[in-house]
Every structure is written in structure tokens, then in C-alpha cells.
Protein backbone atom coordinates (compact mmCIF):
# COMPACT_ATOMS: atom_id res chain seq x y z
CA MET A 1 32.84 -45.52 79.09
CA PRO A 2 30.01 -45.35 76.52
CA ALA A 3 28.42 -48.76 75.97
CA ILE A 4 29.10 -48.66 72.22
CA ASP A 5 32.86 -48.79 72.91
CA ARG A 6 32.59 -52.52 73.57
CA PHE A 7 31.96 -52.93 69.82
CA LEU A 8 34.39 -50.27 68.60
CA VAL A 9 37.57 -51.18 70.50
CA PRO A 10 37.67 -54.78 69.18
CA LEU A 11 36.69 -53.47 65.72
CA VAL A 12 39.85 -51.37 65.59
CA SER A 13 42.12 -54.03 67.13
CA GLY A 14 40.80 -56.57 64.62
CA SER A 15 41.57 -54.31 61.61
CA GLY A 16 37.87 -53.75 60.91
CA SER A 17 36.59 -50.74 58.98
CA ASP A 18 32.89 -50.43 59.85
CA LEU A 19 30.33 -51.23 62.54
CA HIS A 20 26.67 -51.65 61.55
CA LEU A 21 23.84 -51.52 64.08
CA CYS A 22 20.37 -52.42 62.75
CA ALA A 23 17.16 -52.79 64.74
CA GLY A 24 16.16 -56.44 65.03
CA ARG A 25 19.65 -57.70 64.13
CA ARG A 26 22.89 -58.48 65.91
CA PRO A 27 25.73 -55.96 65.41
CA TYR A 28 27.79 -56.55 62.26
CA ILE A 29 31.38 -55.56 61.49
CA ARG A 30 33.19 -55.25 58.18
CA VAL A 31 36.73 -56.63 58.07
CA HIS A 32 38.70 -56.45 54.80
CA GLY A 33 35.43 -55.85 52.95
CA LYS A 34 33.51 -58.81 54.44
CA LEU A 35 30.49 -58.35 56.73
CA THR A 36 30.14 -60.72 59.69
CA PRO A 37 27.94 -60.67 62.82
CA ILE A 38 29.62 -60.15 66.18
CA THR A 39 29.41 -63.49 67.98
CA GLY A 40 27.92 -63.56 71.45
CA GLU A 41 26.05 -60.27 71.05
CA PRO A 42 22.25 -60.16 71.36
CA VAL A 43 19.80 -58.72 68.86
CA LEU A 44 19.46 -54.95 69.36
CA SER A 45 16.16 -53.10 69.48
CA SER A 46 15.56 -49.70 67.94
CA ASP A 47 15.49 -47.99 71.35
CA GLU A 48 18.72 -49.71 72.41
CA ILE A 49 20.48 -48.38 69.29
CA LEU A 50 19.16 -44.86 69.90
CA ASN A 51 20.41 -44.99 73.50
CA LEU A 52 23.86 -46.14 72.30
CA LEU A 53 23.98 -43.16 69.93
CA LYS A 54 22.77 -40.66 72.52
CA GLU A 55 25.81 -41.45 74.64
CA ILE A 56 28.27 -40.39 71.93
CA MET A 57 26.39 -37.81 69.85
CA PRO A 58 26.27 -34.06 70.52
CA GLU A 59 22.82 -32.90 71.55
CA ILE A 60 22.21 -31.23 68.19
CA ASN A 61 22.71 -34.57 66.41
CA THR A 62 20.43 -36.40 68.82
CA LYS A 63 17.68 -33.89 68.07
CA GLU A 64 18.40 -34.15 64.33
CA ILE A 65 18.11 -37.94 64.11
CA ILE A 66 14.80 -37.83 66.02
CA SER A 67 13.32 -34.97 63.96
CA GLU A 68 15.02 -35.45 60.57
CA TRP A 69 15.64 -39.26 60.74
CA ASP A 70 19.35 -39.14 59.95
CA THR A 71 22.47 -37.33 61.12
CA ASP A 72 26.27 -37.29 60.80
CA CYS A 73 28.91 -36.62 63.43
CA ALA A 74 32.31 -37.81 64.62
CA TYR A 75 33.27 -39.72 67.77
CA ALA A 76 36.70 -40.38 69.25
CA ILE A 77 38.08 -42.94 71.68
CA PRO A 78 41.43 -41.59 72.93
CA GLN A 79 44.44 -43.72 71.97
CA VAL A 80 42.14 -45.95 69.86
CA ALA A 81 40.64 -44.15 66.86
CA ARG A 82 38.15 -41.61 65.62
CA PHE A 83 34.90 -42.70 63.99
CA ARG A 84 32.58 -41.18 61.42
CA VAL A 85 29.07 -41.79 62.72
CA ASN A 86 25.92 -41.89 60.61
CA GLY A 87 22.67 -42.50 62.48
CA TYR A 88 19.51 -43.09 60.49
CA CYS A 89 16.04 -44.61 60.52
CA ASP A 90 14.80 -47.48 58.38
CA MET A 91 11.60 -49.54 58.32
CA ASN A 92 12.59 -51.30 61.56
CA GLY A 93 13.62 -48.24 63.57
CA TYR A 94 16.96 -46.64 64.40
CA SER A 95 20.19 -47.86 62.79
CA ALA A 96 23.77 -46.66 62.61
CA SER A 97 26.97 -47.07 60.62
CA LEU A 98 30.31 -46.17 62.16
CA ARG A 99 33.46 -45.94 60.01
CA VAL A 100 36.93 -46.21 61.57
CA ILE A 101 39.18 -43.20 60.97
CA PRO A 102 42.77 -44.11 61.90
CA GLU A 103 44.50 -41.64 64.24
CA THR A 104 47.57 -41.58 61.98
CA VAL A 105 47.20 -40.12 58.51
CA PRO A 106 48.49 -42.73 56.00
CA THR A 107 51.31 -41.80 53.66
CA PHE A 108 51.48 -41.80 49.86
CA GLU A 109 53.41 -45.08 49.94
CA GLU A 110 50.99 -46.79 52.32
CA LEU A 111 48.06 -45.92 50.07
CA ASN A 112 49.82 -46.83 46.80
CA LEU A 113 49.08 -43.33 45.46
CA PRO A 114 50.40 -42.59 41.95
CA ASP A 115 53.43 -40.26 41.83
CA VAL A 116 51.54 -37.72 39.73
CA MET A 117 49.38 -36.93 42.77
CA ARG A 118 52.43 -35.33 44.38
CA ASP A 119 52.43 -32.94 41.41
CA PHE A 120 48.78 -32.09 42.18
CA CYS A 121 49.85 -31.27 45.76
CA MET A 122 52.45 -28.79 44.48
CA LEU A 123 50.01 -26.76 42.34
CA SER A 124 49.52 -23.11 43.25
CA LYS A 125 45.94 -22.92 41.95
CA GLY A 126 43.29 -24.98 40.21
CA LEU A 127 40.72 -27.68 40.97
CA VAL A 128 41.56 -31.33 41.73
CA ILE A 129 38.71 -33.83 42.07
CA VAL A 130 38.92 -37.19 43.84
CA THR A 131 36.00 -39.42 42.91
CA GLY A 132 34.68 -42.92 43.44
CA PRO A 133 31.82 -44.83 45.07
CA THR A 134 30.97 -44.52 48.76
CA GLY A 135 33.53 -46.31 50.92
CA SER A 136 36.27 -46.30 48.29
CA GLY A 137 38.68 -44.26 50.42
CA LYS A 138 38.32 -40.78 48.89
CA SER A 139 38.61 -39.00 52.26
CA THR A 140 41.69 -41.04 53.16
CA THR A 141 43.36 -40.14 49.86
CA LEU A 142 42.67 -36.42 50.34
CA SER A 143 43.93 -36.57 53.92
CA ALA A 144 47.22 -38.07 52.70
CA MET A 145 47.52 -35.25 50.14
CA ILE A 146 46.81 -32.57 52.76
CA ASP A 147 49.34 -34.21 55.08
CA TYR A 148 51.96 -34.16 52.30
CA ILE A 149 51.31 -30.44 51.71
CA ASN A 150 51.43 -29.81 55.47
CA ARG A 151 54.94 -31.33 55.61
CA THR A 152 56.38 -29.80 52.44
CA ARG A 153 54.80 -26.36 51.90
CA ASN A 154 54.11 -23.17 53.87
CA GLU A 155 50.41 -22.44 53.23
CA HIS A 156 47.09 -21.69 54.90
CA ILE A 157 44.76 -24.69 54.48
CA ILE A 158 41.03 -24.62 55.21
CA THR A 159 39.07 -27.87 55.19
CA ILE A 160 35.28 -28.08 55.14
CA GLU A 161 34.07 -31.53 56.16
CA ASP A 162 30.94 -33.35 57.32
CA PRO A 163 32.10 -34.60 59.74
CA ILE A 164 35.81 -33.95 60.33
CA GLU A 165 37.56 -37.28 59.86
CA PHE A 166 41.36 -37.16 60.00
CA VAL A 167 42.62 -34.48 62.39
CA HIS A 168 45.72 -32.72 61.07
CA THR A 169 48.40 -31.31 63.36
CA PRO A 170 49.89 -28.15 61.79
CA ASP A 171 53.50 -28.62 60.68
CA GLN A 172 54.69 -26.24 57.95
CA CYS A 173 51.12 -25.04 57.32
CA ILE A 174 48.32 -23.32 59.19
CA ILE A 175 45.32 -25.68 59.09
CA ASN A 176 41.73 -24.76 60.02
CA GLN A 177 39.28 -27.66 59.91
CA ARG A 178 35.58 -26.71 59.91
CA GLU A 179 32.74 -29.16 60.43
CA VAL A 180 29.36 -28.66 58.77
CA HIS A 181 26.51 -28.33 61.32
CA ARG A 182 29.02 -27.63 64.09
CA ASP A 183 31.27 -24.83 62.82
CA THR A 184 29.19 -23.77 59.80
CA THR A 185 25.67 -24.38 58.49
CA SER A 186 26.61 -25.69 55.01
CA PHE A 187 29.43 -26.44 52.59
CA ALA A 188 28.40 -23.51 50.37
CA ARG A 189 28.34 -20.99 53.24
CA ALA A 190 31.73 -22.12 54.55
CA LEU A 191 33.21 -22.02 51.06
CA ARG A 192 32.00 -18.46 50.48
CA ALA A 193 33.42 -17.43 53.85
CA ALA A 194 36.74 -19.11 53.08
CA LEU A 195 37.44 -16.55 50.37
CA ARG A 196 37.64 -13.88 53.13
CA GLU A 197 39.93 -16.01 55.33
CA ASP A 198 43.13 -15.72 53.26
CA PRO A 199 43.40 -19.40 52.27
CA ASP A 200 45.93 -20.83 49.87
CA ILE A 201 44.32 -24.27 49.74
CA VAL A 202 40.70 -25.28 50.34
CA LEU A 203 39.48 -28.84 50.81
CA ILE A 204 35.76 -29.54 50.29
CA GLY A 205 34.77 -32.86 51.87
CA GLU A 206 32.00 -33.43 49.34
CA ILE A 207 30.35 -31.45 46.56
CA ARG A 208 26.68 -32.19 47.20
CA ASP A 209 24.84 -29.47 45.30
CA LEU A 210 25.07 -27.11 42.37
CA GLU A 211 25.81 -24.06 44.53
CA THR A 212 28.83 -25.71 46.16
CA MET A 213 30.15 -26.86 42.79
CA GLU A 214 29.78 -23.38 41.31
CA ILE A 215 31.62 -21.73 44.22
CA ALA A 216 34.35 -24.40 44.10
CA ILE A 217 35.04 -23.63 40.43
CA GLU A 218 34.99 -19.87 41.12
CA THR A 219 37.37 -20.34 44.07
CA ALA A 220 39.82 -22.23 41.86
CA GLU A 221 39.44 -19.60 39.15
CA THR A 222 40.37 -16.79 41.59
CA GLY A 223 43.80 -18.29 42.25
CA HIS A 224 43.29 -20.89 45.00
CA LEU A 225 44.06 -24.61 45.00
CA VAL A 226 40.82 -26.53 45.65
CA PHE A 227 40.50 -30.24 46.44
CA ALA A 228 37.05 -31.86 46.45
CA THR A 229 35.27 -35.21 46.19
CA LEU A 230 32.43 -36.41 43.97
CA HIS A 231 30.57 -39.69 43.50
CA THR A 232 31.31 -40.83 39.94
CA ASN A 233 32.76 -44.05 38.55
CA THR A 234 35.56 -42.90 36.25
CA ALA A 235 37.82 -39.91 35.80
CA ALA A 236 36.59 -39.25 32.26
CA SER A 237 32.88 -39.31 33.21
CA THR A 238 33.48 -36.88 36.08
CA VAL A 239 34.01 -33.92 33.76
CA GLU A 240 30.74 -34.44 31.90
CA ARG A 241 28.87 -35.11 35.17
CA MET A 242 30.04 -31.77 36.56
CA ILE A 243 28.95 -29.92 33.43
CA ASP A 244 25.58 -31.70 33.31
CA LYS A 245 24.71 -30.44 36.81
CA PHE A 246 24.38 -26.92 35.44
CA PRO A 247 21.40 -25.55 33.45
CA SER A 248 21.90 -25.81 29.70
CA GLY A 249 22.26 -22.04 29.41
CA GLN A 250 25.30 -22.07 31.68
CA GLN A 251 27.06 -25.14 30.34
CA ASN A 252 29.22 -23.42 27.70
CA GLN A 253 30.48 -20.98 30.33
CA ILE A 254 31.19 -23.82 32.79
CA ARG A 255 33.06 -25.78 30.10
CA SER A 256 35.30 -22.77 29.55
CA MET A 257 35.85 -22.30 33.29
CA LEU A 258 36.64 -26.00 33.83
CA ALA A 259 39.01 -26.04 30.87
CA ASP A 260 41.01 -23.31 32.63
CA THR A 261 40.72 -24.43 36.27
CA LEU A 262 40.47 -28.24 36.36
CA LYS A 263 43.95 -29.69 36.84
CA GLY A 264 43.29 -33.33 37.57
CA VAL A 265 40.72 -36.03 38.36
CA VAL A 266 41.54 -39.11 40.39
CA ALA A 267 39.00 -41.96 40.43
CA GLN A 268 39.50 -44.84 42.82
CA THR A 269 38.04 -48.16 43.88
CA LEU A 270 38.97 -50.58 46.67
CA CYS A 271 40.05 -54.15 45.85
CA LYS A 272 40.68 -57.15 48.08
CA LYS A 273 44.35 -58.09 48.32
CA THR A 274 45.15 -61.77 47.82
CA GLU A 275 47.16 -61.80 51.07
CA GLY A 276 44.42 -60.08 53.06
CA GLY A 277 43.44 -56.45 53.50
CA ARG A 278 42.48 -54.01 50.77
CA ILE A 279 44.26 -51.80 48.26
CA ALA A 280 43.03 -48.90 46.16
CA ALA A 281 43.26 -48.90 42.38
CA PHE A 282 43.45 -45.47 40.76
CA GLU A 283 42.50 -43.93 37.44
CA VAL A 284 44.18 -40.58 36.83
CA LEU A 285 43.27 -37.83 34.37
CA VAL A 286 45.80 -35.00 34.07
CA VAL A 287 44.19 -31.96 32.46
CA ASN A 288 46.92 -30.89 30.05
CA THR A 289 46.50 -28.70 26.96
CA PRO A 290 44.86 -31.41 24.76
CA VAL A 291 42.39 -32.40 27.51
CA SER A 292 41.62 -28.75 28.24
CA ALA A 293 40.81 -28.24 24.55
CA LEU A 294 38.47 -31.26 24.54
CA ILE A 295 36.59 -29.89 27.57
CA ARG A 296 36.23 -26.45 26.00
CA GLU A 297 35.04 -27.90 22.67
CA ALA A 298 32.50 -30.29 24.28
CA LYS A 299 34.43 -33.37 23.11
CA THR A 300 34.78 -35.02 26.50
CA HIS A 301 33.90 -38.40 24.95
CA MET A 302 37.42 -38.37 23.48
CA ILE A 303 39.14 -38.03 26.88
CA PRO A 304 39.55 -41.83 27.41
CA SER A 305 41.57 -42.01 24.17
CA VAL A 306 43.87 -39.23 25.37
CA MET A 307 44.30 -41.05 28.70
CA GLN A 308 45.43 -44.19 26.85
CA THR A 309 48.26 -42.25 25.22
CA GLY A 310 49.04 -39.94 28.14
CA LYS A 311 51.10 -42.26 30.35
CA ASN A 312 54.12 -39.98 30.12
CA SER A 313 52.01 -37.24 31.74
CA GLY A 314 51.06 -39.51 34.63
CA MET A 315 47.69 -40.61 33.27
CA GLN A 316 46.44 -44.14 33.83
CA THR A 317 43.17 -45.97 33.28
CA PHE A 318 41.41 -48.41 35.59
CA SER A 319 41.98 -51.19 33.06
CA ASP A 320 45.75 -50.62 33.05
CA GLU A 321 46.05 -50.29 36.82
CA LEU A 322 43.83 -53.27 37.64
CA THR A 323 45.72 -55.40 35.11
CA ARG A 324 49.04 -54.35 36.68
CA LEU A 325 47.83 -55.27 40.18
CA ALA A 326 46.48 -58.62 38.95
CA ALA A 327 49.65 -59.43 37.01
CA LYS A 328 51.71 -58.84 40.16
CA GLY A 329 49.40 -61.09 42.18
CA ILE A 330 48.46 -58.25 44.52
CA ILE A 331 44.76 -58.76 43.71
CA SER A 332 43.02 -61.68 42.01
CA ALA A 333 42.22 -61.55 38.31
CA GLU A 334 38.56 -62.14 39.16
CA ASP A 335 38.38 -59.17 41.55
CA ALA A 336 40.18 -56.98 39.01
CA TYR A 337 37.62 -57.94 36.35
CA ILE A 338 34.69 -57.31 38.70
CA LYS A 339 35.99 -53.84 39.58
CA ALA A 340 36.67 -52.89 35.94
CA VAL A 341 34.26 -50.41 34.38
CA ASP A 342 35.07 -51.30 30.74
CA LYS A 343 34.90 -55.12 30.70
CA VAL A 344 35.76 -55.42 26.98
CA ASP A 345 38.90 -53.32 27.37
CA MET A 346 39.78 -55.31 30.49
CA GLU A 347 39.57 -58.61 28.60
CA THR A 348 41.91 -57.22 25.93
CA LYS A 349 44.39 -56.04 28.59
CA PHE A 350 44.24 -59.45 30.30
CA ARG A 351 45.00 -61.30 27.07
CA LEU A 352 47.94 -59.01 26.33
CA ALA A 353 49.27 -59.56 29.86
CA GLY A 354 48.79 -63.33 29.61
CA ILE A 355 46.20 -63.40 32.41
CA SER A 356 43.69 -66.25 32.16
CA LEU A 357 39.97 -65.54 31.91
CA ASP A 358 39.00 -69.01 33.17
CA PHE A 359 37.39 -67.46 36.23
CA LYS A 360 34.88 -65.73 33.92
CA LYS A 361 33.87 -69.05 32.36
CA LYS A 362 33.49 -70.59 35.83
CA ALA A 363 31.36 -67.66 36.99
CA GLU A 364 29.17 -67.86 33.88
CA GLU A 365 28.74 -71.62 34.35
CA ALA A 366 27.88 -71.13 38.04
CA LEU A 367 25.29 -68.52 37.03
CA ARG A 368 23.88 -70.87 34.39
CA GLN A 369 23.61 -73.73 36.87
CA GLY A 370 21.83 -71.46 39.34
CA ARG A 371 19.30 -70.36 36.71
CA LEU A 372 18.85 -73.98 35.56
CA ALA A 373 18.17 -75.13 39.13
CA LYS A 374 15.57 -72.41 39.55
CA ALA A 375 13.91 -73.34 36.22
CA ARG A 376 13.84 -77.01 37.25
CA GLU A 377 12.23 -76.07 40.56
CA THR A 378 9.52 -74.10 38.73
CA LEU A 379 8.91 -77.04 36.37
CA GLN A 380 8.69 -79.56 39.23
CA THR A 381 6.20 -77.35 41.10
CA ALA A 382 3.96 -77.14 38.00
CA GLN A 383 4.27 -80.89 37.40
CA ALA A 384 3.29 -81.56 41.00
CA GLU A 385 0.17 -79.42 40.52
CA LEU A 386 -0.67 -81.40 37.37
CA ASN A 387 -0.12 -84.74 39.12
CA ALA A 388 -2.52 -83.64 41.85
CA ASP A 389 -5.19 -82.70 39.28
CA ALA A 390 -4.87 -84.19 35.78
CA LYS A 391 -7.40 -81.65 34.42
CA ASN A 392 -5.65 -78.56 35.83
CA THR A 393 -5.34 -76.54 32.60
CA SER A 394 -3.27 -73.82 34.27
CA ALA A 395 -0.66 -76.40 35.33
CA MET A 396 -0.74 -77.99 31.86
CA CYS A 397 0.05 -74.61 30.28
CA LYS A 398 2.85 -73.90 32.79
CA VAL A 399 4.56 -77.22 32.07
CA ALA A 400 4.02 -76.94 28.30
CA TRP A 401 5.41 -73.37 28.31
CA ILE A 402 8.65 -74.48 30.02
CA PHE A 403 8.99 -77.51 27.71
CA ALA A 404 8.53 -75.23 24.70
CA THR A 405 10.38 -72.01 25.56
CA SER A 406 13.04 -72.74 28.19
CA ALA A 407 16.45 -71.17 27.56
CA PHE A 408 17.94 -74.50 28.68
CA GLN A 409 17.95 -77.20 26.02
CA GLU A 410 17.88 -79.99 28.63
CA LEU A 411 14.42 -78.81 29.76
CA ARG A 412 12.85 -78.51 26.31
CA ASP A 413 10.55 -81.23 24.95
CA GLY A 414 8.52 -80.05 21.95
CA LYS A 415 6.52 -83.24 21.58
CA GLU A 416 5.36 -83.29 25.21
CA ALA A 417 4.71 -79.53 25.10
CA VAL A 418 2.36 -79.93 22.10
CA LYS A 419 0.58 -82.84 23.79
CA LEU A 420 -0.10 -80.85 26.98
CA ALA A 421 -1.02 -77.63 25.17
CA GLU A 422 -3.47 -79.41 22.86
CA LYS A 423 -5.11 -81.09 25.86
CA ALA A 424 -5.46 -77.73 27.67
CA CYS A 425 -6.96 -76.07 24.55
CA SER A 426 -9.38 -78.97 24.13
CA LEU A 427 -10.56 -78.75 27.75
CA LEU A 428 -11.01 -74.99 27.28
CA HIS A 429 -12.80 -75.48 23.94
CA ASP A 430 -10.19 -73.43 22.06
CA LYS A 431 -11.64 -70.28 23.65
CA ASP A 432 -8.74 -69.37 25.96
CA PRO A 433 -6.16 -67.07 24.27
CA ALA A 434 -3.43 -67.88 26.82
CA ALA A 435 -3.72 -71.62 26.11
CA LEU A 436 -3.62 -70.99 22.35
CA GLU A 437 -0.52 -68.81 22.89
CA VAL A 438 1.16 -71.74 24.66
CA LEU A 439 0.09 -74.07 21.83
CA GLY A 440 1.74 -71.70 19.34
CA VAL A 441 5.15 -71.76 21.05
CA ALA A 442 4.85 -75.54 21.59
CA GLN A 443 4.21 -76.17 17.88
CA ALA A 444 7.15 -73.93 17.00
CA GLU A 445 9.47 -75.89 19.31
CA TYR A 446 8.20 -79.13 17.74
CA GLY A 447 9.01 -77.71 14.29
CA SER A 448 5.42 -77.27 13.07
CA PHE A 449 5.65 -73.58 12.24
CA ARG A 450 2.50 -73.52 10.06
CA ARG A 451 0.47 -74.79 13.01
CA ALA A 452 2.32 -72.39 15.32
CA LEU A 453 1.23 -69.48 13.14
CA ASP A 454 -2.39 -70.70 13.11
CA ALA A 455 -2.58 -71.09 16.93
CA THR A 456 -0.93 -67.71 17.50
CA ARG A 457 -3.26 -65.92 15.07
CA ARG A 458 -6.27 -67.42 16.86
CA ALA A 459 -4.82 -66.22 20.19
CA ILE A 460 -4.36 -62.71 18.77
CA ALA A 461 -7.99 -62.66 17.57
CA LEU A 462 -9.26 -63.64 21.04
CA TYR A 463 -7.00 -61.10 22.80
CA THR A 464 -8.18 -58.40 20.39
CA GLN A 465 -11.80 -59.40 21.01
CA ILE A 466 -11.46 -58.82 24.75
CA GLY A 467 -9.49 -55.59 24.24
CA ASP A 468 -6.11 -56.89 25.48
CA THR A 469 -3.86 -54.87 23.16
CA ILE A 470 -0.67 -55.59 25.13
CA HIS A 471 -0.83 -59.35 24.51
CA SER A 472 -2.08 -59.03 20.94
CA THR A 473 0.76 -56.64 20.04
CA ALA A 474 3.37 -58.93 21.63
CA LEU A 475 2.06 -61.93 19.72
CA THR A 476 2.10 -60.01 16.45
CA THR A 477 5.86 -59.61 16.94
CA ARG A 478 6.14 -63.33 17.71
CA LEU A 479 4.40 -64.18 14.43
CA SER A 480 7.37 -62.78 12.50
CA MET A 481 9.68 -65.22 14.33
CA PHE A 482 7.51 -68.18 13.39
CA GLU A 483 7.35 -66.98 9.78
CA GLN A 484 11.17 -67.22 9.77
CA ASN A 485 10.98 -70.73 11.27
CA LYS A 486 12.45 -69.52 14.59
CA PRO A 487 11.13 -70.92 17.90
CA TYR A 488 10.41 -68.57 20.82
CA ARG A 489 12.73 -68.56 23.85
CA ASP A 490 11.69 -67.26 27.26
CA GLU A 491 14.96 -65.63 28.38
């Protein structure tokens, strides 16, 4: 039994999703989205990690990680699970990430997939994109869709993956699964070859380059159903991202081709369930006649508006879906807000649904307290320097600057700031532009804007004299604030 199995078997039995091996660290596992070290395991060296990988990797991948510094492959433990393996090098040596691939393909119901995705599975031709950040479950979603087709249609399916994750057992369909670097040299090559292999449906594990994207669109245009994944945040932005990948001279042609071939975009993100585990939230764009027209006419910025009114067609936005999950208590309101792309729209949806935003106020207050504590620490350090040397002009200026410009009212003291800044300028004979700059902001905080203007102008003159245009330009902008009787705040 390979030595790495001692980490992987408990990972699966404990409902974990990932194993991370990093040189100089103990092994870590991710369970329900949270990373924790494996107790009782020693720190692993770079060579130990490489030896663990050599036991489970094909020889070609072992050579690749040594020569190219990263590699991808799959590994299976019978009756346990399959794993997607990524080995790579970082500043400390060899590392690896292993993702659990369940042996059983999850169903539509288990994944909470929207009903409209069944309609995508019944298309005879066109392009369907599943998008989202790394680790959001795109491959799992596509596997569920392929499994649904396998059980309900009579087609020839070709998948091109790197590596093969879920293994499909043919039911009503013929399924050929090809792995990049094992069964073919690249996604683009395998996709070109697929056109000569009589496919009805083609799945592309990931569109990584312009060539693959171009062939995918052409394949859909020639009467095949193509499923693929991309890394974008929202369904609406996916369309423009695809078009932007092409040279400007080709973009009008690509818009026209996408308007005819693109049938749907599904964006997804994983959220933590309140009762434990994770659930995917989906945004769905159905490319109907109005959306197709917007793509062709380069008005993709209007797609979100169409999605808001297209619920009868199966469309849904992240804001609507996240609000629904939060309202049902499936996920927390805070996690829903964090995962939302459009925070303003999310706040509106929350108010309409009667969901409290108190968590936002608490988070903002926690952030404020953290920043305040850091500012206090900086102030105390400068004060300690000044206590150690009463003539330390640098420390005087640091303390005066915080007293004069802090974003936190409880730290500001204009009178003390002026006192310290004047003392520093006196010790430096009014010849130090930085000290005069501090005196300017201190006078402004104290309310003496005429004196603030005078000190700042003298600082500008000295900066200009020594050729420091960056500081002199910045202070010129600050002068306009003082002329309007506004103090300066160091945000």
C-alpha cells in the first residue's frame, strides 16, 4: 500500500475534500471548507513529499514534476475513492494537493442543480459553459450532467479531461474519456480529433487557451453539443470574457458565432451549510432570443437586466439564489453576503426578504477595532522611542503625525500634535521639510488653518529645493484642503 494512503483513507472517511502536503509543514486536510493540520503527523521534508508522489504517479508525471516543476494526474484507491493529484514546487521544495473524487457520480438532486440544467442536457447542439472559481465544483456539476445524459439519451459522448476525475460507466450512451498527457497531448488536439470520431456530445474539462476556445465554438457551430468550463465569477461576465480573448479583428465574428451557438452559462460558488457540509449556489443565464441579440449587438452589459426578468425561462442571479438559501436557513446570511458579487444588490434583496444585516455592522466594527489596535500599537512604539530620547525628532514627528491625522478620533490630539511638531521643527532649525509637513497637518487639526498653510508652503519650498517633486506635488494638493478649512486624514 502506498504510504500516502494513510492520509487519504481517513480523509475520505472523515468527509474531507482535499489533502495538502507542503515541505516544512505537517500535512493539512480540508473538511467542509476548513483547513486543519493532521494531528500526530510529523513535518514533511521536500524529499519525503516527492517520494510519496513517486509511489502513486505514472513515470511520465514523475519526470514532469522534476523537469517542469508541476504536474497533474489521477490516483485511485479501490473501494475508497479516486483523487485528482497536483504536484508542484514552491520556495520550500516539493508540495502536493490531492482532491477527493467520489466513486459515485452525484445526482441533480444531491447537488441542488436548477431544473433548467436538465433542459441543457437535452439540447441537440450548442455550447454550454459552467464557470466559477477553482474548487467551486464545476467538474462535479458537469459529471452529474453527463451522468443524466448517459441514463436518458442514446448518444456518443467524448470527454477530454486533465486528469479524468469521475469515471462514467456506459448506460444508454457510448462514453470515451480521454486524459490529456496520457491519451492525447493537448485539449486542442483532442478536440480537433473528436470531430472525426462521430461524437454527439463533447465535454472539455477546461478551456485554457484561445485555440481550444475557438475549436469549441466551431464544434458547437457544426451541430454538436459541447460542455466546457471556464474560470469567471458570473454568468454575465463570462460572455464578454470569451469575446475578449480573441484579437479585436475577430471579435465581431466571434460575437455572431456565440450569439448562434451559446445556449447557456452556469456560474457557481460553494457556500458553507449551517448544519455542516457545503452547498453550491448557482447563477444561470439562458441564451434566448433577447440575450442572443445583445451578444450580437455588443450590448452584453445589459445581460444582467435580462436575467432579472427572465425567471420564467429558468434564469437566476447569484443575489436571488443566495438570498433564497439564506432565507431558508440553509446557509448563513453572512456567508451569503460574502459570496455575493454585487453587494449593493444583495443588500437590497436582503431588506426585501427581511434578512438582518447586523452581521455586516459587527464585521465592520471588528475591522475598525483591529485597525484601531494596530494604530495604538504604532503610537505606543513611537512614544516609547520618544521617552527613551526626549530629543528624538523622528519620534516626535511620528507621534505628532498620528495625533494630527489618525482616522480614529480617539487618537487625535491637535494641541499635543502642534506642541511636538513645533519642538521638532525648532530642533531642526525649520530646515527639515518632513517636520514642516507634520507641523502643517498638526496646525490644521488644531484649527489654525492659516498657520497650516504657511508651514506646508515652507515644506513645499524645501522639497522643491532638493528636487523632491513627488512630495512637493502631494503637498500642493493638500494646500487646497487647508484652504477649505479641512484637516488631513491618513486613511
